[in-house]
């Protein structure tokens, strides 16, 4: 019975994350992306390969190491931190996929504050 429950949960997760998409989850690991935060009008552009993400926000570039924990979770760590906040890891969880976009929830390590938003792939 436990095996059936675990199998059902795994299938539910895969279906909910990949239902009705034009891109697979693997397509979000590399490319150029635009991020929109729900709580503000802030947007940024990020170029990502399998281990590095270079993000531009307000004409300022930052380089992050990206470590994928699973297909739906990754951690961003600033490569050259200049403050305590800069050296705090940022955890991102993909909660849904639609077309060429994914919805995410994120937080800084040790913080209860959650950010939500949408990331859209704009090019390979």
N, C-alpha and C. Protein backbone atom coordinates (compact mmCIF):
# COMPACT_ATOMS: atom_id res chain seq x y z
N UNK A 1 0.81 -1.18 0.00
CA UNK A 1 0.00 0.00 0.00
C UNK A 1 0.87 1.26 0.00
N UNK A 2 1.94 1.26 0.79
CA UNK A 2 2.83 2.42 0.84
C UNK A 2 3.48 2.67 -0.50
N UNK A 3 3.87 1.60 -1.20
CA UNK A 3 4.50 1.74 -2.51
C UNK A 3 3.54 2.37 -3.51
N UNK A 4 2.28 1.98 -3.45
CA UNK A 4 1.28 2.55 -4.36
C UNK A 4 1.09 4.03 -4.05
N UNK A 5 1.05 4.41 -2.78
CA UNK A 5 0.90 5.80 -2.39
C UNK A 5 2.08 6.64 -2.86
N UNK A 6 3.29 6.14 -2.67
CA UNK A 6 4.49 6.84 -3.11
C UNK A 6 4.49 6.99 -4.62
N UNK A 7 4.15 5.95 -5.35
CA UNK A 7 4.08 6.01 -6.80
C UNK A 7 3.05 7.04 -7.25
N UNK A 8 1.89 7.05 -6.61
CA UNK A 8 0.84 8.02 -6.94
C UNK A 8 1.34 9.45 -6.72
N UNK A 9 2.02 9.69 -5.60
CA UNK A 9 2.54 11.03 -5.30
C UNK A 9 3.58 11.47 -6.34
N UNK A 10 4.47 10.57 -6.71
CA UNK A 10 5.49 10.90 -7.71
C UNK A 10 4.85 11.23 -9.06
N UNK A 11 3.88 10.44 -9.46
CA UNK A 11 3.20 10.70 -10.74
C UNK A 11 2.46 12.04 -10.67
N UNK A 12 1.83 12.34 -9.55
CA UNK A 12 1.12 13.61 -9.39
C UNK A 12 2.06 14.79 -9.51
N UNK A 13 3.23 14.70 -8.92
CA UNK A 13 4.21 15.78 -9.00
C UNK A 13 4.66 15.99 -10.43
N UNK A 14 5.00 14.94 -11.12
CA UNK A 14 5.45 15.05 -12.51
C UNK A 14 4.35 15.63 -13.39
N UNK A 15 3.13 15.15 -13.24
CA UNK A 15 2.02 15.64 -14.06
C UNK A 15 1.75 17.10 -13.75
N UNK A 16 1.75 17.50 -12.48
CA UNK A 16 1.44 18.89 -12.14
C UNK A 16 2.53 19.83 -12.62
N UNK A 17 3.76 19.39 -12.66
CA UNK A 17 4.85 20.25 -13.10
C UNK A 17 5.00 20.29 -14.61
N UNK A 18 4.55 19.27 -15.31
CA UNK A 18 4.79 19.20 -16.73
C UNK A 18 3.52 19.20 -17.58
N UNK A 19 2.37 19.35 -16.97
CA UNK A 19 1.11 19.26 -17.70
C UNK A 19 0.93 20.45 -18.64
N UNK A 20 0.69 20.17 -19.92
CA UNK A 20 0.37 21.22 -20.87
C UNK A 20 1.52 22.15 -21.23
N UNK A 21 2.72 21.68 -21.21
CA UNK A 21 3.85 22.56 -21.47
C UNK A 21 4.36 22.41 -22.88
N UNK A 22 4.98 23.49 -23.35
CA UNK A 22 5.68 23.43 -24.62
C UNK A 22 7.14 23.04 -24.39
N UNK A 23 7.65 23.32 -23.21
CA UNK A 23 9.03 23.01 -22.86
C UNK A 23 9.05 21.96 -21.77
N UNK A 24 10.11 21.17 -21.74
CA UNK A 24 10.27 20.24 -20.63
C UNK A 24 11.05 20.95 -19.53
N UNK A 25 11.04 20.40 -18.36
CA UNK A 25 11.77 21.00 -17.24
C UNK A 25 13.24 21.15 -17.56
N UNK A 26 13.81 20.26 -18.34
CA UNK A 26 15.22 20.35 -18.72
C UNK A 26 15.52 21.61 -19.52
N UNK A 27 14.53 22.11 -20.27
CA UNK A 27 14.72 23.31 -21.08
C UNK A 27 14.90 24.56 -20.25
N UNK A 28 14.55 24.51 -18.97
CA UNK A 28 14.69 25.67 -18.10
C UNK A 28 16.05 25.73 -17.41
N UNK A 29 16.90 24.77 -17.66
CA UNK A 29 18.20 24.75 -17.00
C UNK A 29 19.24 25.60 -17.73
N UNK A 30 19.01 25.90 -19.00
CA UNK A 30 19.94 26.74 -19.76
C UNK A 30 19.15 27.68 -20.65
N UNK A 31 19.76 28.81 -20.99
CA UNK A 31 19.13 29.76 -21.89
C UNK A 31 19.09 31.16 -21.30
N UNK A 32 18.28 32.02 -21.92
CA UNK A 32 18.08 33.39 -21.45
C UNK A 32 16.65 33.52 -20.95
N UNK A 33 16.50 34.13 -19.77
CA UNK A 33 15.22 34.17 -19.08
C UNK A 33 14.91 35.58 -18.60
N UNK A 34 13.61 35.88 -18.53
CA UNK A 34 13.15 37.13 -17.93
C UNK A 34 12.34 36.76 -16.70
N UNK A 35 12.66 37.39 -15.56
CA UNK A 35 12.00 37.11 -14.30
C UNK A 35 11.12 38.29 -13.91
N UNK A 36 9.88 37.98 -13.51
CA UNK A 36 8.93 38.97 -13.01
C UNK A 36 8.60 38.60 -11.57
N UNK A 37 8.78 39.53 -10.64
CA UNK A 37 8.42 39.28 -9.24
C UNK A 37 6.98 39.73 -9.01
N UNK A 38 6.20 38.91 -8.31
CA UNK A 38 4.79 39.21 -8.09
C UNK A 38 4.56 40.45 -7.23
N UNK A 39 5.42 40.69 -6.25
CA UNK A 39 5.18 41.78 -5.30
C UNK A 39 5.70 43.14 -5.75
N UNK A 40 6.19 43.23 -6.97
CA UNK A 40 6.68 44.51 -7.47
C UNK A 40 6.67 44.49 -9.00
N UNK A 41 7.04 45.58 -9.58
CA UNK A 41 7.15 45.64 -11.04
C UNK A 41 8.56 45.28 -11.49
N UNK A 42 9.35 44.72 -10.60
CA UNK A 42 10.75 44.42 -10.89
C UNK A 42 10.87 43.28 -11.89
N UNK A 43 11.76 43.46 -12.85
CA UNK A 43 12.09 42.40 -13.78
C UNK A 43 13.60 42.33 -13.90
N UNK A 44 14.08 41.17 -14.29
CA UNK A 44 15.51 41.01 -14.54
C UNK A 44 15.68 40.05 -15.70
N UNK A 45 16.86 40.09 -16.30
CA UNK A 45 17.21 39.18 -17.38
C UNK A 45 18.37 38.33 -16.89
N UNK A 46 18.28 37.02 -17.11
CA UNK A 46 19.34 36.11 -16.67
C UNK A 46 19.73 35.20 -17.82
N UNK A 47 21.05 35.00 -17.95
CA UNK A 47 21.59 34.03 -18.89
C UNK A 47 22.16 32.91 -18.04
N UNK A 48 21.70 31.69 -18.32
CA UNK A 48 22.02 30.55 -17.46
C UNK A 48 22.61 29.42 -18.27
N UNK A 49 23.72 28.83 -17.75
CA UNK A 49 24.18 27.55 -18.26
C UNK A 49 23.99 26.54 -17.13
N UNK A 50 24.60 25.40 -17.21
CA UNK A 50 24.33 24.37 -16.21
C UNK A 50 24.86 24.69 -14.82
N UNK A 51 25.78 25.65 -14.67
CA UNK A 51 26.34 25.92 -13.35
C UNK A 51 26.46 27.41 -13.00
N UNK A 52 26.24 28.30 -13.95
CA UNK A 52 26.39 29.74 -13.72
C UNK A 52 25.17 30.48 -14.26
N UNK A 53 24.74 31.50 -13.52
CA UNK A 53 23.67 32.38 -13.98
C UNK A 53 24.17 33.81 -13.85
N UNK A 54 24.13 34.55 -14.95
CA UNK A 54 24.50 35.97 -14.95
C UNK A 54 23.21 36.75 -15.10
N UNK A 55 22.90 37.54 -14.08
CA UNK A 55 21.62 38.24 -14.03
C UNK A 55 21.85 39.74 -14.11
N UNK A 56 21.01 40.42 -14.90
CA UNK A 56 21.07 41.88 -15.02
C UNK A 56 19.78 42.46 -14.47
N UNK A 57 19.94 43.35 -13.49
CA UNK A 57 18.82 44.03 -12.86
C UNK A 57 19.19 45.49 -12.68
N UNK A 58 18.38 46.40 -13.21
CA UNK A 58 18.68 47.84 -13.14
C UNK A 58 20.09 48.15 -13.67
N UNK A 59 20.45 47.56 -14.79
CA UNK A 59 21.73 47.77 -15.48
C UNK A 59 22.93 47.28 -14.67
N UNK A 60 22.71 46.49 -13.62
CA UNK A 60 23.78 45.94 -12.81
C UNK A 60 23.81 44.42 -13.00
N UNK A 61 25.01 43.86 -13.27
CA UNK A 61 25.17 42.43 -13.48
C UNK A 61 25.69 41.76 -12.21
N UNK A 62 25.13 40.60 -11.92
CA UNK A 62 25.60 39.76 -10.83
C UNK A 62 25.76 38.34 -11.36
N UNK A 63 26.77 37.66 -10.87
CA UNK A 63 27.02 36.28 -11.28
C UNK A 63 26.73 35.37 -10.10
N UNK A 64 25.95 34.33 -10.37
CA UNK A 64 25.57 33.35 -9.36
C UNK A 64 26.00 31.96 -9.79
N UNK A 65 26.39 31.16 -8.81
CA UNK A 65 26.54 29.73 -9.05
C UNK A 65 25.16 29.14 -8.87
N UNK A 66 24.78 28.25 -9.77
CA UNK A 66 23.48 27.61 -9.67
C UNK A 66 23.69 26.12 -9.45
N UNK A 67 23.03 25.59 -8.43
CA UNK A 67 23.14 24.17 -8.12
C UNK A 67 21.72 23.60 -8.10
N UNK A 68 21.47 22.66 -8.99
CA UNK A 68 20.16 22.03 -9.08
C UNK A 68 20.09 20.91 -8.06
N UNK A 69 19.15 21.03 -7.10
CA UNK A 69 18.92 19.99 -6.10
C UNK A 69 18.07 18.87 -6.69
N UNK A 70 17.15 19.25 -7.58
CA UNK A 70 16.28 18.31 -8.28
C UNK A 70 15.81 19.03 -9.54
N UNK A 71 14.96 18.40 -10.32
CA UNK A 71 14.45 19.07 -11.52
C UNK A 71 13.61 20.29 -11.19
N UNK A 72 13.09 20.39 -9.97
CA UNK A 72 12.20 21.47 -9.60
C UNK A 72 12.74 22.38 -8.50
N UNK A 73 13.98 22.20 -8.10
CA UNK A 73 14.56 23.04 -7.06
C UNK A 73 16.02 23.34 -7.37
N UNK A 74 16.40 24.61 -7.15
CA UNK A 74 17.80 24.97 -7.30
C UNK A 74 18.19 26.03 -6.29
N UNK A 75 19.50 26.18 -6.10
CA UNK A 75 20.05 27.14 -5.14
C UNK A 75 20.95 28.10 -5.91
N UNK A 76 20.76 29.40 -5.67
CA UNK A 76 21.64 30.42 -6.24
C UNK A 76 22.55 30.96 -5.15
N UNK A 77 23.84 31.03 -5.43
CA UNK A 77 24.82 31.60 -4.51
C UNK A 77 25.63 32.64 -5.28
N UNK A 78 25.68 33.86 -4.75
CA UNK A 78 26.42 34.91 -5.44
C UNK A 78 27.90 34.56 -5.48
N UNK A 79 28.50 34.69 -6.64
CA UNK A 79 29.90 34.28 -6.85
C UNK A 79 30.88 35.19 -6.11
N UNK A 80 30.64 36.49 -6.09
CA UNK A 80 31.52 37.44 -5.40
C UNK A 80 30.70 38.31 -4.44
N UNK A 81 30.31 37.74 -3.29
CA UNK A 81 29.45 38.50 -2.36
C UNK A 81 30.19 39.70 -1.76
N UNK A 82 29.43 40.80 -1.59
CA UNK A 82 30.01 42.01 -1.01
C UNK A 82 29.38 42.35 0.34
N UNK A 83 28.35 41.59 0.74
CA UNK A 83 27.69 41.83 2.03
C UNK A 83 27.20 40.49 2.57
N UNK A 84 26.68 40.53 3.80
CA UNK A 84 26.15 39.31 4.40
C UNK A 84 24.95 38.80 3.59
N UNK A 85 24.07 39.71 3.16
CA UNK A 85 22.93 39.29 2.35
C UNK A 85 23.40 38.67 1.04
N UNK A 86 24.42 39.27 0.42
CA UNK A 86 24.97 38.71 -0.83
C UNK A 86 25.51 37.30 -0.64
N UNK A 87 25.99 36.98 0.55
CA UNK A 87 26.58 35.66 0.77
C UNK A 87 25.54 34.63 1.24
N UNK A 88 24.28 35.05 1.36
CA UNK A 88 23.22 34.14 1.78
C UNK A 88 22.64 33.43 0.55
N UNK A 89 22.54 32.11 0.65
CA UNK A 89 22.02 31.33 -0.49
C UNK A 89 20.53 31.61 -0.69
N UNK A 90 20.11 31.53 -1.96
CA UNK A 90 18.73 31.80 -2.36
C UNK A 90 18.13 30.51 -2.91
N UNK A 91 17.10 29.99 -2.25
CA UNK A 91 16.48 28.72 -2.61
C UNK A 91 15.26 28.98 -3.50
N UNK A 92 15.19 28.30 -4.64
CA UNK A 92 14.10 28.48 -5.59
C UNK A 92 13.42 27.13 -5.83
N UNK A 93 12.09 27.15 -5.76
CA UNK A 93 11.30 25.94 -6.02
C UNK A 93 10.31 26.25 -7.14
N UNK A 94 10.37 25.47 -8.21
CA UNK A 94 9.45 25.61 -9.33
C UNK A 94 8.14 24.94 -8.92
N UNK A 95 7.04 25.71 -8.96
CA UNK A 95 5.75 25.19 -8.50
C UNK A 95 4.78 24.91 -9.64
N UNK A 96 5.10 25.36 -10.84
CA UNK A 96 4.23 25.09 -11.97
C UNK A 96 4.88 25.53 -13.27
N UNK A 97 4.45 24.91 -14.36
CA UNK A 97 4.99 25.22 -15.68
C UNK A 97 3.83 25.46 -16.62
N UNK A 98 3.95 26.50 -17.44
CA UNK A 98 2.94 26.76 -18.46
C UNK A 98 3.64 27.33 -19.68
N UNK A 99 3.60 26.60 -20.77
CA UNK A 99 4.24 27.05 -22.00
C UNK A 99 5.73 27.19 -21.82
N UNK A 100 6.23 28.40 -22.04
CA UNK A 100 7.67 28.65 -21.92
C UNK A 100 8.01 29.36 -20.60
N UNK A 101 7.12 29.25 -19.61
CA UNK A 101 7.32 29.91 -18.32
C UNK A 101 7.19 28.93 -17.17
N UNK A 102 7.79 29.31 -16.04
CA UNK A 102 7.52 28.57 -14.82
C UNK A 102 7.25 29.55 -13.69
N UNK A 103 6.44 29.10 -12.75
CA UNK A 103 6.10 29.86 -11.55
C UNK A 103 7.00 29.34 -10.45
N UNK A 104 7.46 30.26 -9.59
CA UNK A 104 8.36 29.83 -8.52
C UNK A 104 8.01 30.48 -7.20
N UNK A 105 8.49 29.84 -6.12
CA UNK A 105 8.53 30.39 -4.78
C UNK A 105 9.99 30.35 -4.37
N UNK A 106 10.44 31.38 -3.68
CA UNK A 106 11.86 31.43 -3.32
C UNK A 106 12.04 32.14 -1.98
N UNK A 107 13.16 31.84 -1.35
CA UNK A 107 13.51 32.52 -0.10
C UNK A 107 15.01 32.45 0.14
N UNK A 108 15.48 33.42 0.93
CA UNK A 108 16.87 33.38 1.36
C UNK A 108 16.99 32.36 2.48
N UNK A 109 18.12 31.70 2.54
CA UNK A 109 18.38 30.71 3.58
C UNK A 109 18.18 31.35 4.95
N UNK A 110 17.39 30.70 5.80
CA UNK A 110 17.15 31.19 7.15
C UNK A 110 16.07 32.26 7.26
N UNK A 111 15.45 32.63 6.16
CA UNK A 111 14.43 33.68 6.17
C UNK A 111 13.05 33.07 5.95
N UNK A 112 12.05 33.63 6.62
CA UNK A 112 10.67 33.20 6.42
C UNK A 112 9.99 33.97 5.29
N UNK A 113 10.61 35.05 4.81
CA UNK A 113 10.05 35.85 3.73
C UNK A 113 10.13 35.07 2.42
N UNK A 114 9.02 34.95 1.74
CA UNK A 114 8.95 34.21 0.48
C UNK A 114 8.71 35.19 -0.67
N UNK A 115 9.40 34.96 -1.76
CA UNK A 115 9.15 35.70 -2.99
C UNK A 115 8.49 34.75 -3.97
N UNK A 116 7.59 35.28 -4.77
CA UNK A 116 6.97 34.49 -5.82
C UNK A 116 7.08 35.26 -7.12
N UNK A 117 7.03 34.55 -8.20
CA UNK A 117 7.13 35.20 -9.50
C UNK A 117 7.05 34.21 -10.63
N UNK A 118 7.34 34.74 -11.81
CA UNK A 118 7.29 33.94 -13.04
C UNK A 118 8.59 34.16 -13.80
N UNK A 119 9.13 33.09 -14.33
CA UNK A 119 10.32 33.14 -15.18
C UNK A 119 9.91 32.66 -16.57
N UNK A 120 10.23 33.46 -17.58
CA UNK A 120 9.91 33.11 -18.95
C UNK A 120 11.18 32.94 -19.75
N UNK A 121 11.29 31.83 -20.45
CA UNK A 121 12.45 31.61 -21.32
C UNK A 121 12.24 32.42 -22.58
N UNK A 122 13.23 33.29 -22.89
CA UNK A 122 13.09 34.15 -24.06
C UNK A 122 14.01 33.74 -25.21
N UNK A 123 15.03 32.92 -24.92
CA UNK A 123 15.87 32.38 -26.00
C UNK A 123 16.75 31.26 -25.46
N UNK A 124 17.31 30.51 -26.41
CA UNK A 124 18.23 29.44 -26.04
C UNK A 124 19.49 30.07 -25.62
